[in-house]
C-alpha cells in the first residue's frame, strides 16, 4: 500500500450557526455574540464574511470569491489581503476559527 502525505485544506468556520445576532444601520453593523456576550461593530466586508460562514465553512479563497462578488469587485490580490486581515481579526476575537478539512 502506498501512503502519500497530503496537506489538509484549512477552512474557516463559526462554531454554532445561531451564535450571532446582527443589527444593521446604513453602512455599519453590530454583531452580538451569544456565546461570549460581546458586541462588535463591523464594516460591510466583515458582515459578509460572517453571513457567508453562517451558511457553510469555507476556505479563504472561496470566501474571497463569494465576498468579492457581493461587492461586485474582482477577488484580486488587494481584496484577498484585506479579507485575510478580516479573517485574522475575527480569529483573534474568537468569532471564527480555522480547522483542517
C-alpha atoms as a PDB file:
ATOM      1  CA  UNK A   1       0.000   0.000   0.000  1.00  0.00           C
ATOM      2  CA  UNK A   2       1.350   3.427  -0.936  1.00  0.00           C
ATOM      3  CA  UNK A   3       0.905   6.259   1.540  1.00  0.00           C
ATOM      4  CA  UNK A   4       1.081   9.827   0.371  1.00  0.00           C
ATOM      5  CA  UNK A   5       1.297  12.873   2.521  1.00  0.00           C
ATOM      6  CA  UNK A   6      -1.330  15.433   1.881  1.00  0.00           C
ATOM      7  CA  UNK A   7      -1.736  18.845   3.353  1.00  0.00           C
ATOM      8  CA  UNK A   8      -5.186  19.365   4.819  1.00  0.00           C
ATOM      9  CA  UNK A   9      -7.164  22.276   3.465  1.00  0.00           C
ATOM     10  CA  UNK A  10      -7.841  24.847   6.151  1.00  0.00           C
ATOM     11  CA  UNK A  11     -11.357  26.186   6.279  1.00  0.00           C
ATOM     12  CA  UNK A  12     -12.841  28.980   8.328  1.00  0.00           C
ATOM     13  CA  UNK A  13     -15.967  28.294  10.321  1.00  0.00           C
ATOM     14  CA  UNK A  14     -18.276  29.579  13.014  1.00  0.00           C
ATOM     15  CA  UNK A  15     -18.953  27.263  15.899  1.00  0.00           C
ATOM     16  CA  UNK A  16     -22.735  27.193  16.120  1.00  0.00           C
ATOM     17  CA  UNK A  17     -24.833  28.681  13.324  1.00  0.00           C
ATOM     18  CA  UNK A  18     -27.182  30.636  15.616  1.00  0.00           C
ATOM     19  CA  UNK A  19     -24.300  32.180  17.527  1.00  0.00           C
ATOM     20  CA  UNK A  20     -24.689  35.778  16.321  1.00  0.00           C
ATOM     21  CA  UNK A  21     -27.389  38.429  16.271  1.00  0.00           C
ATOM     22  CA  UNK A  22     -26.855  41.124  13.634  1.00  0.00           C
ATOM     23  CA  UNK A  23     -28.245  44.653  13.634  1.00  0.00           C
ATOM     24  CA  UNK A  24     -27.733  46.868  10.542  1.00  0.00           C
ATOM     25  CA  UNK A  25     -27.559  50.662  10.224  1.00  0.00           C
ATOM     26  CA  UNK A  26     -26.609  52.396   6.966  1.00  0.00           C
ATOM     27  CA  UNK A  27     -23.002  51.245   6.332  1.00  0.00           C
ATOM     28  CA  UNK A  28     -22.399  49.632   9.722  1.00  0.00           C
ATOM     29  CA  UNK A  29     -23.492  46.547  11.541  1.00  0.00           C
ATOM     30  CA  UNK A  30     -23.291  45.453  15.151  1.00  0.00           C
ATOM     31  CA  UNK A  31     -22.939  41.790  15.918  1.00  0.00           C
ATOM     32  CA  UNK A  32     -23.788  40.344  19.309  1.00  0.00           C
ATOM     33  CA  UNK A  33     -22.027  37.089  20.183  1.00  0.00           C
ATOM     34  CA  UNK A  34     -24.425  34.880  22.170  1.00  0.00           C
ATOM     35  CA  UNK A  35     -21.530  32.754  23.435  1.00  0.00           C
ATOM     36  CA  UNK A  36     -19.247  35.460  24.858  1.00  0.00           C
ATOM     37  CA  UNK A  37     -21.740  38.281  25.400  1.00  0.00           C
ATOM     38  CA  UNK A  38     -19.502  40.621  23.380  1.00  0.00           C
ATOM     39  CA  UNK A  39     -20.771  43.142  20.845  1.00  0.00           C
ATOM     40  CA  UNK A  40     -18.643  44.172  17.852  1.00  0.00           C
ATOM     41  CA  UNK A  41     -19.107  46.946  15.293  1.00  0.00           C
ATOM     42  CA  UNK A  42     -18.396  45.559  11.817  1.00  0.00           C
ATOM     43  CA  UNK A  43     -17.734  47.077   8.431  1.00  0.00           C
ATOM     44  CA  UNK A  44     -19.652  45.702   5.423  1.00  0.00           C
ATOM     45  CA  UNK A  45     -16.920  43.221   4.419  1.00  0.00           C
ATOM     46  CA  UNK A  46     -16.886  41.736   7.909  1.00  0.00           C
ATOM     47  CA  UNK A  47     -20.650  41.329   7.843  1.00  0.00           C
ATOM     48  CA  UNK A  48     -20.460  39.480   4.516  1.00  0.00           C
ATOM     49  CA  UNK A  49     -17.760  37.176   5.890  1.00  0.00           C
ATOM     50  CA  UNK A  50     -19.926  36.218   8.876  1.00  0.00           C
ATOM     51  CA  UNK A  51     -23.009  35.771   6.700  1.00  0.00           C
ATOM     52  CA  UNK A  52     -21.080  33.512   4.312  1.00  0.00           C
ATOM     53  CA  UNK A  53     -19.677  31.440   7.172  1.00  0.00           C
ATOM     54  CA  UNK A  54     -23.121  31.087   8.749  1.00  0.00           C
ATOM     55  CA  UNK A  55     -24.111  29.294   5.543  1.00  0.00           C
ATOM     56  CA  UNK A  56     -21.128  26.912   5.487  1.00  0.00           C
ATOM     57  CA  UNK A  57     -17.435  26.681   6.360  1.00  0.00           C
ATOM     58  CA  UNK A  58     -15.169  27.882   3.540  1.00  0.00           C
ATOM     59  CA  UNK A  59     -11.534  28.282   2.587  1.00  0.00           C
ATOM     60  CA  UNK A  60     -10.058  31.765   2.390  1.00  0.00           C
ATOM     61  CA  UNK A  61     -10.030  31.529  -1.423  1.00  0.00           C
ATOM     62  CA  UNK A  62     -13.706  30.599  -1.600  1.00  0.00           C
ATOM     63  CA  UNK A  63     -14.636  33.319   0.894  1.00  0.00           C
ATOM     64  CA  UNK A  64     -12.683  35.851  -1.159  1.00  0.00           C
ATOM     65  CA  UNK A  65     -14.650  34.937  -4.291  1.00  0.00           C
ATOM     66  CA  UNK A  66     -18.011  34.968  -2.504  1.00  0.00           C
ATOM     67  CA  UNK A  67     -17.477  38.243  -0.659  1.00  0.00           C
ATOM     68  CA  UNK A  68     -15.937  39.976  -3.695  1.00  0.00           C
ATOM     69  CA  UNK A  69     -18.986  39.019  -5.762  1.00  0.00           C
ATOM     70  CA  UNK A  70     -21.285  40.622  -3.151  1.00  0.00           C
ATOM     71  CA  UNK A  71     -19.400  43.896  -3.694  1.00  0.00           C
ATOM     72  CA  UNK A  72     -19.250  43.406  -7.470  1.00  0.00           C
ATOM     73  CA  UNK A  73     -15.462  43.512  -7.465  1.00  0.00           C
ATOM     74  CA  UNK A  74     -12.702  41.182  -8.556  1.00  0.00           C
ATOM     75  CA  UNK A  75     -11.164  38.837  -5.981  1.00  0.00           C
ATOM     76  CA  UNK A  76      -7.696  40.239  -6.748  1.00  0.00           C
ATOM     77  CA  UNK A  77      -4.585  40.234  -4.528  1.00  0.00           C
ATOM     78  CA  UNK A  78      -5.532  43.504  -2.821  1.00  0.00           C
ATOM     79  CA  UNK A  79      -9.027  42.274  -1.943  1.00  0.00           C
ATOM     80  CA  UNK A  80      -7.624  38.921  -0.828  1.00  0.00           C
ATOM     81  CA  UNK A  81      -5.129  40.624   1.516  1.00  0.00           C
ATOM     82  CA  UNK A  82      -7.858  42.790   3.021  1.00  0.00           C
ATOM     83  CA  UNK A  83     -10.098  39.749   3.521  1.00  0.00           C
ATOM     84  CA  UNK A  84      -7.249  37.789   5.115  1.00  0.00           C
ATOM     85  CA  UNK A  85      -6.792  40.647   7.621  1.00  0.00           C
ATOM     86  CA  UNK A  86     -10.518  40.465   8.480  1.00  0.00           C
ATOM     87  CA  UNK A  87     -10.261  36.696   8.994  1.00  0.00           C
ATOM     88  CA  UNK A  88      -7.241  37.071  11.284  1.00  0.00           C
ATOM     89  CA  UNK A  89      -9.017  39.800  13.293  1.00  0.00           C
ATOM     90  CA  UNK A  90     -12.129  37.643  13.643  1.00  0.00           C
ATOM     91  CA  UNK A  91     -10.000  34.677  14.732  1.00  0.00           C
ATOM     92  CA  UNK A  92      -8.257  36.857  17.338  1.00  0.00           C
ATOM     93  CA  UNK A  93     -11.696  37.922  18.629  1.00  0.00           C
ATOM     94  CA  UNK A  94     -12.767  34.241  18.713  1.00  0.00           C
ATOM     95  CA  UNK A  95     -15.649  34.917  16.301  1.00  0.00           C
ATOM     96  CA  UNK A  96     -14.369  32.277  13.854  1.00  0.00           C
ATOM     97  CA  UNK A  97     -11.783  29.524  13.789  1.00  0.00           C
ATOM     98  CA  UNK A  98      -9.595  27.677  11.301  1.00  0.00           C
ATOM     99  CA  UNK A  99      -9.990  23.932  11.064  1.00  0.00           C
ATOM    100  CA  UNK A 100      -8.435  21.305   8.771  1.00  0.00           C
ATOM    101  CA  UNK A 101     -10.814  19.742   6.286  1.00  0.00           C
END
